[in-house]
């Protein structure tokens, strides 16, 4: 792996120039991942590319596969922890895929790069119910589908009608809700990481605008009271084990308020790890591992991490 990284490091300038020559879209070089993750932590990304459209994305993906260049789709970085190392590869942001079209009765055609919060607030203003749970989830629609993001006993699986994806063979296909195999914080796409979510059709129900707005207001107040929103974090670190709460298990293990470097197990909600003093990714990862291991040792519960670790090999 280290040898591959060194080889890529030597060749990345050439690879980046090739991508520029292909006119894929905007290209950024040597940028701090602190700008692109909600933890505000991580190393340097050698290259971030913003494809103009689907055909340019396909062209880019084919090139990266042929050249054997590591790559990853990066949404709003709200569920990722990059290591402090340089990412010797290409990150792909689908910011241009940000359209939101309402059509039919409660249906919305949404690009994978659209903000989930923006879509949910637009739906609320139009009097459609079903997306209220998402008004506090700071990710893209594509990322939310990938993770089957959810809250308040609801998730994307309840409202997704179909998903347009780019397969590992560069074919564009549509997957219906059942084919997406949504379960708690999981989906078909997690088991097929070479597939790329391009577009989603959401199906909502007509509701009363005032009632929808009141639900959103109440939940926002509850989040402000119970979650450490004043600090950078990636939301809940662990999935709630069946019949239990990850935050309570961590707190009962004596770890609430535990500090490592610039990171802390939140003293407001123990299932949040916050960057409260220029934390490194190593600081954050240490606390995630500590919480997992202490709960396992004390309760025999193997908590599952919701977040994805990137470039830690």
Protein backbone atom coordinates (compact mmCIF):
# COMPACT_ATOMS: atom_id res chain seq x y z
CA UNK A 1 0.00 0.00 0.00
CA UNK A 2 2.80 2.43 0.91
CA UNK A 3 4.58 1.65 -2.37
CA UNK A 4 1.33 2.31 -4.30
CA UNK A 5 0.90 5.62 -2.46
CA UNK A 6 4.46 6.66 -3.35
CA UNK A 7 3.93 5.74 -7.00
CA UNK A 8 0.66 7.65 -7.09
CA UNK A 9 2.26 10.61 -5.37
CA UNK A 10 4.90 10.71 -8.09
CA UNK A 11 2.27 10.45 -10.85
CA UNK A 12 -0.54 12.60 -9.44
CA UNK A 13 0.58 15.75 -11.22
CA UNK A 14 0.38 13.92 -14.53
CA UNK A 15 -2.98 12.39 -13.61
CA UNK A 16 -4.40 15.77 -12.60
CA UNK A 17 -3.20 17.37 -15.82
CA UNK A 18 -4.84 14.58 -17.81
CA UNK A 19 -8.13 15.23 -15.98
CA UNK A 20 -7.82 18.96 -16.74
CA UNK A 21 -7.21 18.18 -20.41
CA UNK A 22 -10.38 16.07 -20.46
CA UNK A 23 -12.38 19.15 -19.43
CA UNK A 24 -14.38 17.19 -16.86
CA UNK A 25 -15.21 20.23 -14.76
CA UNK A 26 -13.64 22.29 -11.99
CA UNK A 27 -10.47 20.77 -10.51
CA UNK A 28 -8.93 21.66 -7.16
CA UNK A 29 -5.45 20.59 -6.10
CA UNK A 30 -3.85 20.10 -2.68
CA UNK A 31 -6.78 21.26 -0.57
CA UNK A 32 -7.32 20.68 3.12
CA UNK A 33 -10.05 18.18 3.90
CA UNK A 34 -10.88 20.29 6.96
CA UNK A 35 -12.89 22.43 4.52
CA UNK A 36 -14.87 19.45 3.22
CA UNK A 37 -15.81 17.47 6.32
CA UNK A 38 -18.15 18.40 9.16
CA UNK A 39 -15.54 17.18 11.66
CA UNK A 40 -13.27 19.92 10.26
CA UNK A 41 -10.41 17.43 10.37
CA UNK A 42 -8.32 15.43 7.92
CA UNK A 43 -5.25 15.68 5.74
CA UNK A 44 -4.72 17.06 2.25
CA UNK A 45 -6.65 15.92 -0.82
CA UNK A 46 -4.39 15.91 -3.86
CA UNK A 47 -7.31 16.39 -6.25
CA UNK A 48 -11.03 17.16 -6.08
CA UNK A 49 -13.05 17.11 -9.31
CA UNK A 50 -16.53 18.53 -9.93
CA UNK A 51 -17.94 16.83 -13.05
CA UNK A 52 -20.16 19.08 -15.19
CA UNK A 53 -22.68 16.37 -16.03
CA UNK A 54 -23.27 12.62 -16.16
CA UNK A 55 -21.33 12.04 -19.38
CA UNK A 56 -18.28 13.81 -17.94
CA UNK A 57 -18.63 11.78 -14.73
CA UNK A 58 -18.66 8.56 -16.78
CA UNK A 59 -15.60 9.72 -18.73
CA UNK A 60 -13.79 10.47 -15.48
CA UNK A 61 -14.73 7.17 -13.85
CA UNK A 62 -13.55 5.20 -16.88
CA UNK A 63 -10.22 7.02 -16.84
CA UNK A 64 -9.69 6.48 -13.11
CA UNK A 65 -10.50 2.78 -13.40
CA UNK A 66 -8.20 2.30 -16.38
CA UNK A 67 -5.38 4.21 -14.66
CA UNK A 68 -6.02 2.38 -11.35
CA UNK A 69 -6.34 5.63 -9.42
CA UNK A 70 -8.02 5.51 -5.98
CA UNK A 71 -11.17 7.61 -5.97
CA UNK A 72 -14.23 8.32 -3.90
CA UNK A 73 -17.48 10.26 -4.16
CA UNK A 74 -17.49 13.02 -1.55
CA UNK A 75 -20.76 14.65 -0.54
CA UNK A 76 -20.82 17.17 2.28
CA UNK A 77 -18.43 15.10 4.38
CA UNK A 78 -21.00 14.73 7.15
CA UNK A 79 -20.42 11.04 7.79
CA UNK A 80 -16.71 10.65 7.05
CA UNK A 81 -13.48 10.68 8.99
CA UNK A 82 -10.46 11.05 6.72
CA UNK A 83 -7.08 10.29 8.25
CA UNK A 84 -4.50 13.04 8.72
CA UNK A 85 -2.50 11.63 5.79
CA UNK A 86 -2.57 13.01 2.25
CA UNK A 87 -5.25 11.38 0.11
CA UNK A 88 -3.27 10.27 -2.94
CA UNK A 89 -6.19 9.91 -5.31
CA UNK A 90 -9.20 11.74 -6.72
CA UNK A 91 -12.23 12.86 -4.76
CA UNK A 92 -15.37 13.48 -6.82
CA UNK A 93 -17.98 16.02 -5.77
CA UNK A 94 -21.38 15.99 -7.49
CA UNK A 95 -22.20 19.60 -6.63
CA UNK A 96 -23.42 20.21 -10.19
CA UNK A 97 -26.02 17.45 -9.71
CA UNK A 98 -28.05 19.67 -7.39
CA UNK A 99 -31.40 20.09 -9.19
CA UNK A 100 -34.71 19.76 -7.34
CA UNK A 101 -37.87 19.32 -9.43
CA UNK A 102 -41.35 18.85 -7.96
CA UNK A 103 -43.78 17.02 -10.23
CA UNK A 104 -46.91 14.92 -9.98
CA UNK A 105 -48.49 14.53 -6.58
CA UNK A 106 -45.78 14.71 -3.96
CA UNK A 107 -42.99 13.46 -6.20
CA UNK A 108 -39.59 15.13 -6.31
CA UNK A 109 -36.78 14.42 -8.79
CA UNK A 110 -33.54 15.29 -7.01
CA UNK A 111 -29.92 15.24 -8.12
CA UNK A 112 -27.56 13.28 -5.88
CA UNK A 113 -25.58 16.41 -5.03
CA UNK A 114 -28.55 18.39 -3.72
CA UNK A 115 -28.64 19.35 -0.05
CA UNK A 116 -30.95 17.08 1.94
CA UNK A 117 -31.84 19.94 4.29
CA UNK A 118 -32.72 22.21 1.36
CA UNK A 119 -34.97 19.56 -0.21
CA UNK A 120 -36.74 18.87 3.09
CA UNK A 121 -37.39 22.57 3.75
CA UNK A 122 -38.66 23.13 0.19
CA UNK A 123 -41.02 20.18 0.59
CA UNK A 124 -42.31 21.57 3.88
CA UNK A 125 -43.01 24.98 2.33
CA UNK A 126 -45.04 23.27 -0.39
CA UNK A 127 -47.03 21.33 2.20
CA UNK A 128 -45.55 17.87 1.63
CA UNK A 129 -44.92 15.62 4.62
CA UNK A 130 -42.47 12.74 5.04
CA UNK A 131 -39.15 14.57 5.03
CA UNK A 132 -39.43 16.39 8.36
CA UNK A 133 -36.88 13.97 9.87
CA UNK A 134 -34.22 15.23 7.46
CA UNK A 135 -34.25 18.95 8.30
CA UNK A 136 -31.30 18.48 10.65
CA UNK A 137 -29.19 16.09 8.54
CA UNK A 138 -26.38 18.05 6.81
CA UNK A 139 -25.66 15.73 3.88
CA UNK A 140 -26.44 15.36 0.21
CA UNK A 141 -29.41 13.38 -1.04
CA UNK A 142 -27.05 10.82 -2.61
CA UNK A 143 -25.19 10.37 0.65
CA UNK A 144 -28.47 10.05 2.55
CA UNK A 145 -29.65 7.30 0.20
CA UNK A 146 -26.29 5.51 0.46
CA UNK A 147 -26.45 5.53 4.28
CA UNK A 148 -30.24 5.28 4.50
CA UNK A 149 -30.02 8.33 6.74
CA UNK A 150 -32.78 8.77 9.23
CA UNK A 151 -34.03 10.18 12.52
CA UNK A 152 -37.19 10.19 14.63
CA UNK A 153 -38.06 6.60 13.64
CA UNK A 154 -38.05 7.42 9.93
CA UNK A 155 -35.46 7.20 7.16
CA UNK A 156 -34.92 7.51 3.41
CA UNK A 157 -36.27 4.01 2.82
CA UNK A 158 -39.78 5.24 3.59
CA UNK A 159 -39.78 7.99 0.95
CA UNK A 160 -37.50 6.84 -1.91
CA UNK A 161 -39.45 5.60 -4.93
CA UNK A 162 -36.48 4.88 -7.20
CA UNK A 163 -32.80 5.65 -7.65
CA UNK A 164 -30.81 6.24 -10.84
CA UNK A 165 -27.30 4.81 -10.50
CA UNK A 166 -24.13 4.43 -12.52
CA UNK A 167 -22.95 0.81 -12.23
CA UNK A 168 -19.40 -0.47 -12.00
CA UNK A 169 -19.72 -1.34 -15.72
CA UNK A 170 -20.65 2.30 -16.48
CA UNK A 171 -24.27 1.54 -17.28
CA UNK A 172 -27.04 3.80 -16.04
CA UNK A 173 -29.88 1.85 -14.46
CA UNK A 174 -32.89 2.52 -12.23
CA UNK A 175 -33.39 0.67 -8.95
CA UNK A 176 -36.84 0.58 -7.37
CA UNK A 177 -37.30 0.94 -3.62
CA UNK A 178 -37.36 -2.82 -2.98
CA UNK A 179 -34.19 -3.33 -5.01
CA UNK A 180 -32.43 -0.73 -2.83
CA UNK A 181 -32.83 -3.14 0.11
CA UNK A 182 -33.09 -0.38 2.71
CA UNK A 183 -32.51 -1.38 6.33
CA UNK A 184 -31.44 0.51 9.43
CA UNK A 185 -28.57 2.74 8.23
CA UNK A 186 -27.84 0.48 5.27
CA UNK A 187 -28.72 0.08 1.62
CA UNK A 188 -27.85 -1.80 -1.56
CA UNK A 189 -25.32 0.92 -2.43
CA UNK A 190 -23.22 0.25 0.67
CA UNK A 191 -22.76 -3.32 -0.51
CA UNK A 192 -21.94 -2.10 -4.04
CA UNK A 193 -19.51 0.78 -3.41
CA UNK A 194 -18.55 0.94 -7.10
CA UNK A 195 -22.06 2.12 -7.95
CA UNK A 196 -22.72 5.87 -7.96
CA UNK A 197 -26.04 7.43 -7.03
CA UNK A 198 -26.98 10.00 -9.70
CA UNK A 199 -30.61 10.89 -9.05
CA UNK A 200 -33.45 10.03 -6.68
CA UNK A 201 -37.22 10.12 -7.01
CA UNK A 202 -38.85 10.86 -3.65
CA UNK A 203 -42.52 10.28 -2.92
CA UNK A 204 -44.14 12.38 -0.20
CA UNK A 205 -47.70 12.87 1.01
CA UNK A 206 -49.77 16.04 1.12
CA UNK A 207 -50.01 17.52 4.60
CA UNK A 208 -50.82 20.75 6.40
CA UNK A 209 -48.12 23.39 6.13
CA UNK A 210 -48.65 24.73 9.65
CA UNK A 211 -48.46 21.27 11.21
CA UNK A 212 -45.33 20.38 9.24
CA UNK A 213 -43.67 23.68 10.21
CA UNK A 214 -44.50 23.06 13.88
CA UNK A 215 -42.91 19.58 13.81
CA UNK A 216 -39.75 21.04 12.24
CA UNK A 217 -39.62 23.86 14.81
CA UNK A 218 -40.07 21.50 17.77
CA UNK A 219 -37.40 19.14 16.53
CA UNK A 220 -34.96 21.96 15.89
CA UNK A 221 -35.42 23.18 19.45
CA UNK A 222 -34.91 19.66 20.76
CA UNK A 223 -31.69 19.28 18.76
CA UNK A 224 -30.37 22.58 20.09
CA UNK A 225 -31.12 21.46 23.65
CA UNK A 226 -29.72 17.93 23.39
CA UNK A 227 -26.99 17.98 20.74
CA UNK A 228 -23.63 19.85 20.68
CA UNK A 229 -24.40 21.75 17.48
CA UNK A 230 -22.02 24.56 18.46
CA UNK A 231 -19.00 22.35 17.67
CA UNK A 232 -17.89 20.53 14.50
CA UNK A 233 -18.94 16.86 14.57
CA UNK A 234 -20.33 14.18 12.28
CA UNK A 235 -23.52 13.60 14.23
CA UNK A 236 -24.17 10.30 15.98
CA UNK A 237 -21.03 8.18 16.03
CA UNK A 238 -22.64 4.80 16.72
CA UNK A 239 -25.88 3.17 15.69
CA UNK A 240 -28.24 2.57 18.59
CA UNK A 241 -28.07 -1.12 19.52
CA UNK A 242 -31.43 -2.81 19.47
CA UNK A 243 -33.34 -1.92 22.62
CA UNK A 244 -30.66 0.46 23.84
CA UNK A 245 -29.05 3.86 23.24
CA UNK A 246 -25.40 4.30 22.27
CA UNK A 247 -25.14 7.62 24.10
CA UNK A 248 -26.34 6.10 27.38
CA UNK A 249 -23.96 3.15 27.07
CA UNK A 250 -21.02 5.50 26.50
CA UNK A 251 -22.07 7.78 29.36
CA UNK A 252 -22.57 4.82 31.73
CA UNK A 253 -19.06 3.68 30.79
CA UNK A 254 -17.75 6.92 32.28
CA UNK A 255 -16.62 8.46 29.02
CA UNK A 256 -18.88 11.50 28.75
CA UNK A 257 -16.59 14.56 28.57
CA UNK A 258 -13.48 12.44 27.88
CA UNK A 259 -10.83 14.50 26.06
CA UNK A 260 -8.10 13.42 23.66
CA UNK A 261 -6.05 16.23 22.15
CA UNK A 262 -8.53 18.64 20.57
CA UNK A 263 -11.42 16.17 20.51
CA UNK A 264 -14.00 15.39 23.19
CA UNK A 265 -16.81 12.97 23.86
CA UNK A 266 -19.54 15.58 24.10
CA UNK A 267 -20.65 16.46 27.62
CA UNK A 268 -24.09 17.22 26.17
CA UNK A 269 -24.66 13.98 24.23
CA UNK A 270 -22.15 11.14 24.62
CA UNK A 271 -22.84 9.67 21.16
CA UNK A 272 -21.28 12.80 19.62
CA UNK A 273 -17.54 13.34 19.40
CA UNK A 274 -16.77 16.99 18.82
CA UNK A 275 -13.80 18.93 17.53
CA UNK A 276 -13.59 21.63 20.18
CA UNK A 277 -9.93 22.62 19.87
CA UNK A 278 -8.40 22.00 16.44
CA UNK A 279 -8.59 18.23 16.79
CA UNK A 280 -6.69 15.93 14.48
CA UNK A 281 -8.42 12.96 12.93
CA UNK A 282 -6.18 10.78 15.09
CA UNK A 283 -7.66 12.42 18.21
CA UNK A 284 -11.22 11.74 17.01
CA UNK A 285 -10.47 8.16 15.97
CA UNK A 286 -8.89 7.45 19.35
CA UNK A 287 -12.10 8.44 21.14
CA UNK A 288 -14.31 6.47 18.74
CA UNK A 289 -12.22 3.34 19.35
CA UNK A 290 -12.15 3.97 23.10
CA UNK A 291 -15.94 4.30 23.33
CA UNK A 292 -16.42 1.14 21.28
CA UNK A 293 -13.93 -0.90 23.32
CA UNK A 294 -15.12 0.27 26.74
CA UNK A 295 -18.78 -0.47 25.97
CA UNK A 296 -17.82 -3.87 24.59
CA UNK A 297 -15.77 -4.64 27.70
CA UNK A 298 -18.41 -3.43 30.17
CA UNK A 299 -21.63 -4.56 28.48
CA UNK A 300 -20.58 -7.06 25.82
CA UNK A 301 -22.25 -4.89 23.17
CA UNK A 302 -20.38 -4.51 19.88
CA UNK A 303 -21.58 -1.06 18.81
CA UNK A 304 -21.54 -0.36 15.08
CA UNK A 305 -19.96 2.86 13.85
CA UNK A 306 -22.21 4.95 11.60
CA UNK A 307 -19.30 6.88 10.15
CA UNK A 308 -16.90 5.79 7.45
CA UNK A 309 -13.13 5.83 7.92
CA UNK A 310 -11.22 6.85 4.78
CA UNK A 311 -7.48 6.61 4.02
CA UNK A 312 -6.51 4.92 7.28
CA UNK A 313 -4.71 1.92 5.81
